[in-house]
Amino acid sequence: MSRLLHVLIVEDSEDDALLLVRELHKGGFDIDYLRVDDEQMLRSALDDHSWDIVITDHNMPALSSDISILSVKQTGRDIPVIIVSGSIGEEVAVNAMKSGAHDYIMKGNLSRLVPAIERELREAENRRAHREAEHKIHYMAHHDALTGVINRYGFEERLNELLSLSGQDIRHGF
């Protein structure tokens, strides 16, 4: 059974993009994709659509993987970025990973693409579940379990936040 995958492909070569799409189809994905090749198109695509993953080439005439990674980070959404490139040195790849890329794959070794995407989708789901659990724990610590009304701890914390904006601190007053 096929899984639908929304993919933003940042690639200047239509042929290379089609190779990626073919590889994903072979891996069992139905693909909803858009190929972009400049920064304005990239930012517009990130604003206009919800993507599961971004696959970017490293070095293109009008764009680089660094700009792609930064653009994804600036959205504030947790979208995995995978670099697929024909020529990327190990040092460049390590720097890209440090700046936010989740993996890099050589164009000559696309057999790694589907497992990398499956892993990154699982990891993104784990991060989402973790954020939701943290939010729920925070809510439970600050609200009454029966009524949902803010409790004393939550009240004091919120009051201190508001007073700190005015330059006062009452933490030691209770």
C-alpha atoms as a PDB file:
ATOM      1  CA  MET A   1       0.000   0.000   0.000  1.00  0.00           C
ATOM      2  CA  SER A   2       1.365   3.418  -0.963  1.00  0.00           C
ATOM      3  CA  ARG A   3       1.893   6.242   1.490  1.00  0.00           C
ATOM      4  CA  LEU A   4       1.315   9.846   0.417  1.00  0.00           C
ATOM      5  CA  LEU A   5       4.400  12.018   0.864  1.00  0.00           C
ATOM      6  CA  HIS A   6       4.474  15.800   0.370  1.00  0.00           C
ATOM      7  CA  VAL A   7       7.978  16.617  -0.868  1.00  0.00           C
ATOM      8  CA  LEU A   8       9.548  19.971  -1.641  1.00  0.00           C
ATOM      9  CA  ILE A   9      12.435  19.349  -4.020  1.00  0.00           C
ATOM     10  CA  VAL A  10      15.025  22.122  -4.200  1.00  0.00           C
ATOM     11  CA  GLU A  11      16.828  21.200  -7.405  1.00  0.00           C
ATOM     12  CA  ASP A  12      17.897  23.056 -10.537  1.00  0.00           C
ATOM     13  CA  SER A  13      17.786  19.952 -12.750  1.00  0.00           C
ATOM     14  CA  GLU A  14      14.358  18.650 -13.706  1.00  0.00           C
ATOM     15  CA  ASP A  15      15.921  15.295 -14.677  1.00  0.00           C
ATOM     16  CA  ASP A  16      17.509  14.897 -11.229  1.00  0.00           C
ATOM     17  CA  ALA A  17      14.184  15.778  -9.580  1.00  0.00           C
ATOM     18  CA  LEU A  18      12.440  13.120 -11.654  1.00  0.00           C
ATOM     19  CA  LEU A  19      15.066  10.571 -10.570  1.00  0.00           C
ATOM     20  CA  LEU A  20      14.247  11.398  -6.941  1.00  0.00           C
ATOM     21  CA  VAL A  21      10.525  11.041  -7.596  1.00  0.00           C
ATOM     22  CA  ARG A  22      11.079   7.701  -9.348  1.00  0.00           C
ATOM     23  CA  GLU A  23      13.164   6.440  -6.420  1.00  0.00           C
ATOM     24  CA  LEU A  24      10.440   7.444  -3.966  1.00  0.00           C
ATOM     25  CA  HIS A  25       7.778   5.716  -6.082  1.00  0.00           C
ATOM     26  CA  LYS A  26       9.932   2.567  -6.099  1.00  0.00           C
ATOM     27  CA  GLY A  27      10.122   2.855  -2.298  1.00  0.00           C
ATOM     28  CA  GLY A  28       6.329   2.734  -1.982  1.00  0.00           C
ATOM     29  CA  PHE A  29       5.435   6.421  -1.752  1.00  0.00           C
ATOM     30  CA  ASP A  30       2.770   8.312  -3.652  1.00  0.00           C
ATOM     31  CA  ILE A  31       4.348  11.695  -4.224  1.00  0.00           C
ATOM     32  CA  ASP A  32       2.875  15.161  -4.080  1.00  0.00           C
ATOM     33  CA  TYR A  33       5.889  17.289  -4.964  1.00  0.00           C
ATOM     34  CA  LEU A  34       6.999  20.672  -6.139  1.00  0.00           C
ATOM     35  CA  ARG A  35      10.400  21.478  -7.595  1.00  0.00           C
ATOM     36  CA  VAL A  36      11.864  24.918  -6.910  1.00  0.00           C
ATOM     37  CA  ASP A  37      15.199  26.331  -7.982  1.00  0.00           C
ATOM     38  CA  ASP A  38      15.494  29.799  -6.479  1.00  0.00           C
ATOM     39  CA  GLU A  39      15.131  31.358  -3.037  1.00  0.00           C
ATOM     40  CA  GLN A  40      11.917  33.256  -3.749  1.00  0.00           C
ATOM     41  CA  MET A  41      10.189  30.103  -5.044  1.00  0.00           C
ATOM     42  CA  LEU A  42      11.496  28.175  -2.022  1.00  0.00           C
ATOM     43  CA  ARG A  43      10.170  30.674   0.522  1.00  0.00           C
ATOM     44  CA  SER A  44       6.838  30.907  -1.293  1.00  0.00           C
ATOM     45  CA  ALA A  45       6.487  27.114  -1.377  1.00  0.00           C
ATOM     46  CA  LEU A  46       7.287  26.869   2.343  1.00  0.00           C
ATOM     47  CA  ASP A  47       4.679  29.530   3.129  1.00  0.00           C
ATOM     48  CA  ASP A  48       1.967  28.118   0.869  1.00  0.00           C
ATOM     49  CA  HIS A  49       2.057  24.394   1.627  1.00  0.00           C
ATOM     50  CA  SER A  50       2.655  21.896   4.413  1.00  0.00           C
ATOM     51  CA  TRP A  51       5.600  19.642   3.500  1.00  0.00           C
ATOM     52  CA  ASP A  52       6.604  16.324   5.041  1.00  0.00           C
ATOM     53  CA  ILE A  53      10.196  16.649   3.893  1.00  0.00           C
ATOM     54  CA  VAL A  54      12.530  18.888   1.912  1.00  0.00           C
ATOM     55  CA  ILE A  55      15.110  17.346  -0.401  1.00  0.00           C
ATOM     56  CA  THR A  56      17.726  19.812  -1.578  1.00  0.00           C
ATOM     57  CA  ASP A  57      20.703  19.749  -3.884  1.00  0.00           C
ATOM     58  CA  HIS A  58      23.810  21.254  -2.328  1.00  0.00           C
ATOM     59  CA  ASN A  59      25.108  23.592  -4.972  1.00  0.00           C
ATOM     60  CA  MET A  60      22.891  25.260  -7.551  1.00  0.00           C
ATOM     61  CA  PRO A  61      23.380  28.451  -9.570  1.00  0.00           C
ATOM     62  CA  ALA A  62      20.656  30.417  -7.734  1.00  0.00           C
ATOM     63  CA  LEU A  63      20.530  28.578  -4.408  1.00  0.00           C
ATOM     64  CA  SER A  64      22.496  26.439  -1.963  1.00  0.00           C
ATOM     65  CA  SER A  65      21.629  23.847   0.644  1.00  0.00           C
ATOM     66  CA  ASP A  66      22.613  26.378   3.341  1.00  0.00           C
ATOM     67  CA  ILE A  67      19.873  28.749   2.184  1.00  0.00           C
ATOM     68  CA  SER A  68      17.406  25.865   1.948  1.00  0.00           C
ATOM     69  CA  ILE A  69      18.161  24.760   5.512  1.00  0.00           C
ATOM     70  CA  LEU A  70      17.933  28.318   6.836  1.00  0.00           C
ATOM     71  CA  SER A  71      14.637  28.923   5.027  1.00  0.00           C
ATOM     72  CA  VAL A  72      13.112  25.772   6.534  1.00  0.00           C
ATOM     73  CA  LYS A  73      14.344  26.719  10.023  1.00  0.00           C
ATOM     74  CA  GLN A  74      12.842  30.190   9.677  1.00  0.00           C
ATOM     75  CA  THR A  75       9.371  28.695   9.178  1.00  0.00           C
ATOM     76  CA  GLY A  76       9.486  27.380  12.750  1.00  0.00           C
ATOM     77  CA  ARG A  77       8.095  24.056  11.557  1.00  0.00           C
ATOM     78  CA  ASP A  78       9.790  20.712  12.094  1.00  0.00           C
ATOM     79  CA  ILE A  79      10.428  19.694   8.484  1.00  0.00           C
ATOM     80  CA  PRO A  80      13.337  17.311   7.912  1.00  0.00           C
ATOM     81  CA  VAL A  81      15.856  18.419   5.276  1.00  0.00           C
ATOM     82  CA  ILE A  82      17.890  15.866   3.323  1.00  0.00           C
ATOM     83  CA  ILE A  83      20.692  16.935   1.022  1.00  0.00           C
ATOM     84  CA  VAL A  84      21.007  14.882  -2.155  1.00  0.00           C
ATOM     85  CA  SER A  85      24.047  15.967  -4.107  1.00  0.00           C
ATOM     86  CA  GLY A  86      26.416  14.756  -6.766  1.00  0.00           C
ATOM     87  CA  SER A  87      29.377  16.561  -5.281  1.00  0.00           C
ATOM     88  CA  ILE A  88      29.666  17.325  -1.611  1.00  0.00           C
ATOM     89  CA  GLY A  89      32.788  16.929   0.464  1.00  0.00           C
ATOM     90  CA  GLU A  90      32.748  15.317   3.866  1.00  0.00           C
ATOM     91  CA  GLU A  91      33.576  18.576   5.663  1.00  0.00           C
ATOM     92  CA  VAL A  92      30.795  20.421   3.814  1.00  0.00           C
ATOM     93  CA  ALA A  93      28.351  17.618   4.643  1.00  0.00           C
ATOM     94  CA  VAL A  94      29.296  17.722   8.344  1.00  0.00           C
ATOM     95  CA  ASN A  95      28.814  21.506   8.415  1.00  0.00           C
ATOM     96  CA  ALA A  96      25.427  21.101   6.725  1.00  0.00           C
ATOM     97  CA  MET A  97      24.389  18.556   9.354  1.00  0.00           C
ATOM     98  CA  LYS A  98      25.498  20.947  12.115  1.00  0.00           C
ATOM     99  CA  SER A  99      23.414  23.732  10.580  1.00  0.00           C
ATOM    100  CA  GLY A 100      20.273  21.590  10.473  1.00  0.00           C
ATOM    101  CA  ALA A 101      20.343  19.076   7.626  1.00  0.00           C
ATOM    102  CA  HIS A 102      19.108  15.687   8.793  1.00  0.00           C
ATOM    103  CA  ASP A 103      21.080  13.585   6.302  1.00  0.00           C
ATOM    104  CA  TYR A 104      23.015  13.772   3.078  1.00  0.00           C
ATOM    105  CA  ILE A 105      22.980  11.277   0.254  1.00  0.00           C
ATOM    106  CA  MET A 106      25.098  11.121  -2.864  1.00  0.00           C
ATOM    107  CA  LYS A 107      23.137  11.149  -6.128  1.00  0.00           C
ATOM    108  CA  GLY A 108      25.000   8.018  -7.138  1.00  0.00           C
ATOM    109  CA  ASN A 109      23.649   6.153  -4.091  1.00  0.00           C
ATOM    110  CA  LEU A 110      19.902   6.877  -4.108  1.00  0.00           C
ATOM    111  CA  SER A 111      19.166   3.484  -2.560  1.00  0.00           C
ATOM    112  CA  ARG A 112      19.714   5.230   0.813  1.00  0.00           C
ATOM    113  CA  LEU A 113      17.005   7.825   0.093  1.00  0.00           C
ATOM    114  CA  VAL A 114      13.859   5.894   1.063  1.00  0.00           C
ATOM    115  CA  PRO A 115      15.293   4.495   4.335  1.00  0.00           C
ATOM    116  CA  ALA A 116      16.568   7.978   5.245  1.00  0.00           C
ATOM    117  CA  ILE A 117      13.154   9.536   4.596  1.00  0.00           C
ATOM    118  CA  GLU A 118      11.351   6.822   6.561  1.00  0.00           C
ATOM    119  CA  ARG A 119      13.742   7.359   9.492  1.00  0.00           C
ATOM    120  CA  GLU A 120      13.344  11.149   9.398  1.00  0.00           C
ATOM    121  CA  LEU A 121       9.548  10.920   9.231  1.00  0.00           C
ATOM    122  CA  ARG A 122       9.592   8.647  12.313  1.00  0.00           C
ATOM    123  CA  GLU A 123      11.939  11.031  14.129  1.00  0.00           C
ATOM    124  CA  ALA A 124       9.779  14.060  13.248  1.00  0.00           C
ATOM    125  CA  GLU A 125       6.718  12.230  14.594  1.00  0.00           C
ATOM    126  CA  ASN A 126       8.634  11.366  17.793  1.00  0.00           C
ATOM    127  CA  ARG A 127       9.634  15.025  18.237  1.00  0.00           C
ATOM    128  CA  ARG A 128       6.009  16.116  17.693  1.00  0.00           C
ATOM    129  CA  ALA A 129       4.740  13.603  20.265  1.00  0.00           C
ATOM    130  CA  HIS A 130       7.423  14.750  22.717  1.00  0.00           C
ATOM    131  CA  ARG A 131       6.404  18.413  22.298  1.00  0.00           C
ATOM    132  CA  GLU A 132       2.743  17.487  22.857  1.00  0.00           C
ATOM    133  CA  ALA A 133       3.629  15.518  26.001  1.00  0.00           C
ATOM    134  CA  GLU A 134       5.674  18.432  27.357  1.00  0.00           C
ATOM    135  CA  HIS A 135       2.787  20.801  26.659  1.00  0.00           C
ATOM    136  CA  LYS A 136       0.351  18.480  28.451  1.00  0.00           C
ATOM    137  CA  ILE A 137       2.655  18.132  31.467  1.00  0.00           C
ATOM    138  CA  HIS A 138       3.075  21.909  31.635  1.00  0.00           C
ATOM    139  CA  TYR A 139      -0.692  22.362  31.458  1.00  0.00           C
ATOM    140  CA  MET A 140      -1.288  19.760  34.168  1.00  0.00           C
ATOM    141  CA  ALA A 141       1.286  21.413  36.457  1.00  0.00           C
ATOM    142  CA  HIS A 142      -0.405  24.794  36.131  1.00  0.00           C
ATOM    143  CA  HIS A 143      -4.114  23.885  36.147  1.00  0.00           C
ATOM    144  CA  ASP A 144      -6.542  22.128  38.444  1.00  0.00           C
ATOM    145  CA  ALA A 145      -7.205  18.592  37.226  1.00  0.00           C
ATOM    146  CA  LEU A 146     -10.935  18.733  37.927  1.00  0.00           C
ATOM    147  CA  THR A 147     -11.903  22.230  36.810  1.00  0.00           C
ATOM    148  CA  GLY A 148      -9.105  23.173  34.411  1.00  0.00           C
ATOM    149  CA  VAL A 149      -8.786  26.508  36.237  1.00  0.00           C
ATOM    150  CA  ILE A 150      -5.280  27.833  36.731  1.00  0.00           C
ATOM    151  CA  ASN A 151      -3.816  26.703  40.066  1.00  0.00           C
ATOM    152  CA  ARG A 152      -1.716  28.648  42.584  1.00  0.00           C
ATOM    153  CA  TYR A 153       1.582  27.636  40.983  1.00  0.00           C
ATOM    154  CA  GLY A 154       0.377  28.699  37.550  1.00  0.00           C
ATOM    155  CA  PHE A 155      -1.041  31.934  38.966  1.00  0.00           C
ATOM    156  CA  GLU A 156       2.237  32.818  40.710  1.00  0.00           C
ATOM    157  CA  GLU A 157       4.269  32.002  37.625  1.00  0.00           C
ATOM    158  CA  ARG A 158       2.062  34.137  35.378  1.00  0.00           C
ATOM    159  CA  LEU A 159       2.018  36.978  37.917  1.00  0.00           C
ATOM    160  CA  ASN A 160       5.828  36.936  38.104  1.00  0.00           C
ATOM    161  CA  GLU A 161       6.028  37.019  34.306  1.00  0.00           C
ATOM    162  CA  LEU A 162       3.809  40.094  34.201  1.00  0.00           C
ATOM    163  CA  LEU A 163       5.605  41.809  37.075  1.00  0.00           C
ATOM    164  CA  SER A 164       9.011  41.140  35.527  1.00  0.00           C
ATOM    165  CA  LEU A 165       7.830  43.091  32.519  1.00  0.00           C
ATOM    166  CA  SER A 166       7.291  46.028  34.872  1.00  0.00           C
ATOM    167  CA  GLY A 167      10.626  45.466  36.652  1.00  0.00           C
ATOM    168  CA  GLN A 168       9.228  44.089  39.915  1.00  0.00           C
ATOM    169  CA  ASP A 169       9.760  40.654  41.473  1.00  0.00           C
ATOM    170  CA  ILE A 170       7.464  39.131  44.109  1.00  0.00           C
ATOM    171  CA  ARG A 171       8.818  35.577  44.230  1.00  0.00           C
ATOM    172  CA  HIS A 172       9.881  35.959  47.821  1.00  0.00           C
ATOM    173  CA  GLY A 173       6.614  37.611  48.848  1.00  0.00           C
ATOM    174  CA  PHE A 174       4.486  34.427  48.988  1.00  0.00           C
END
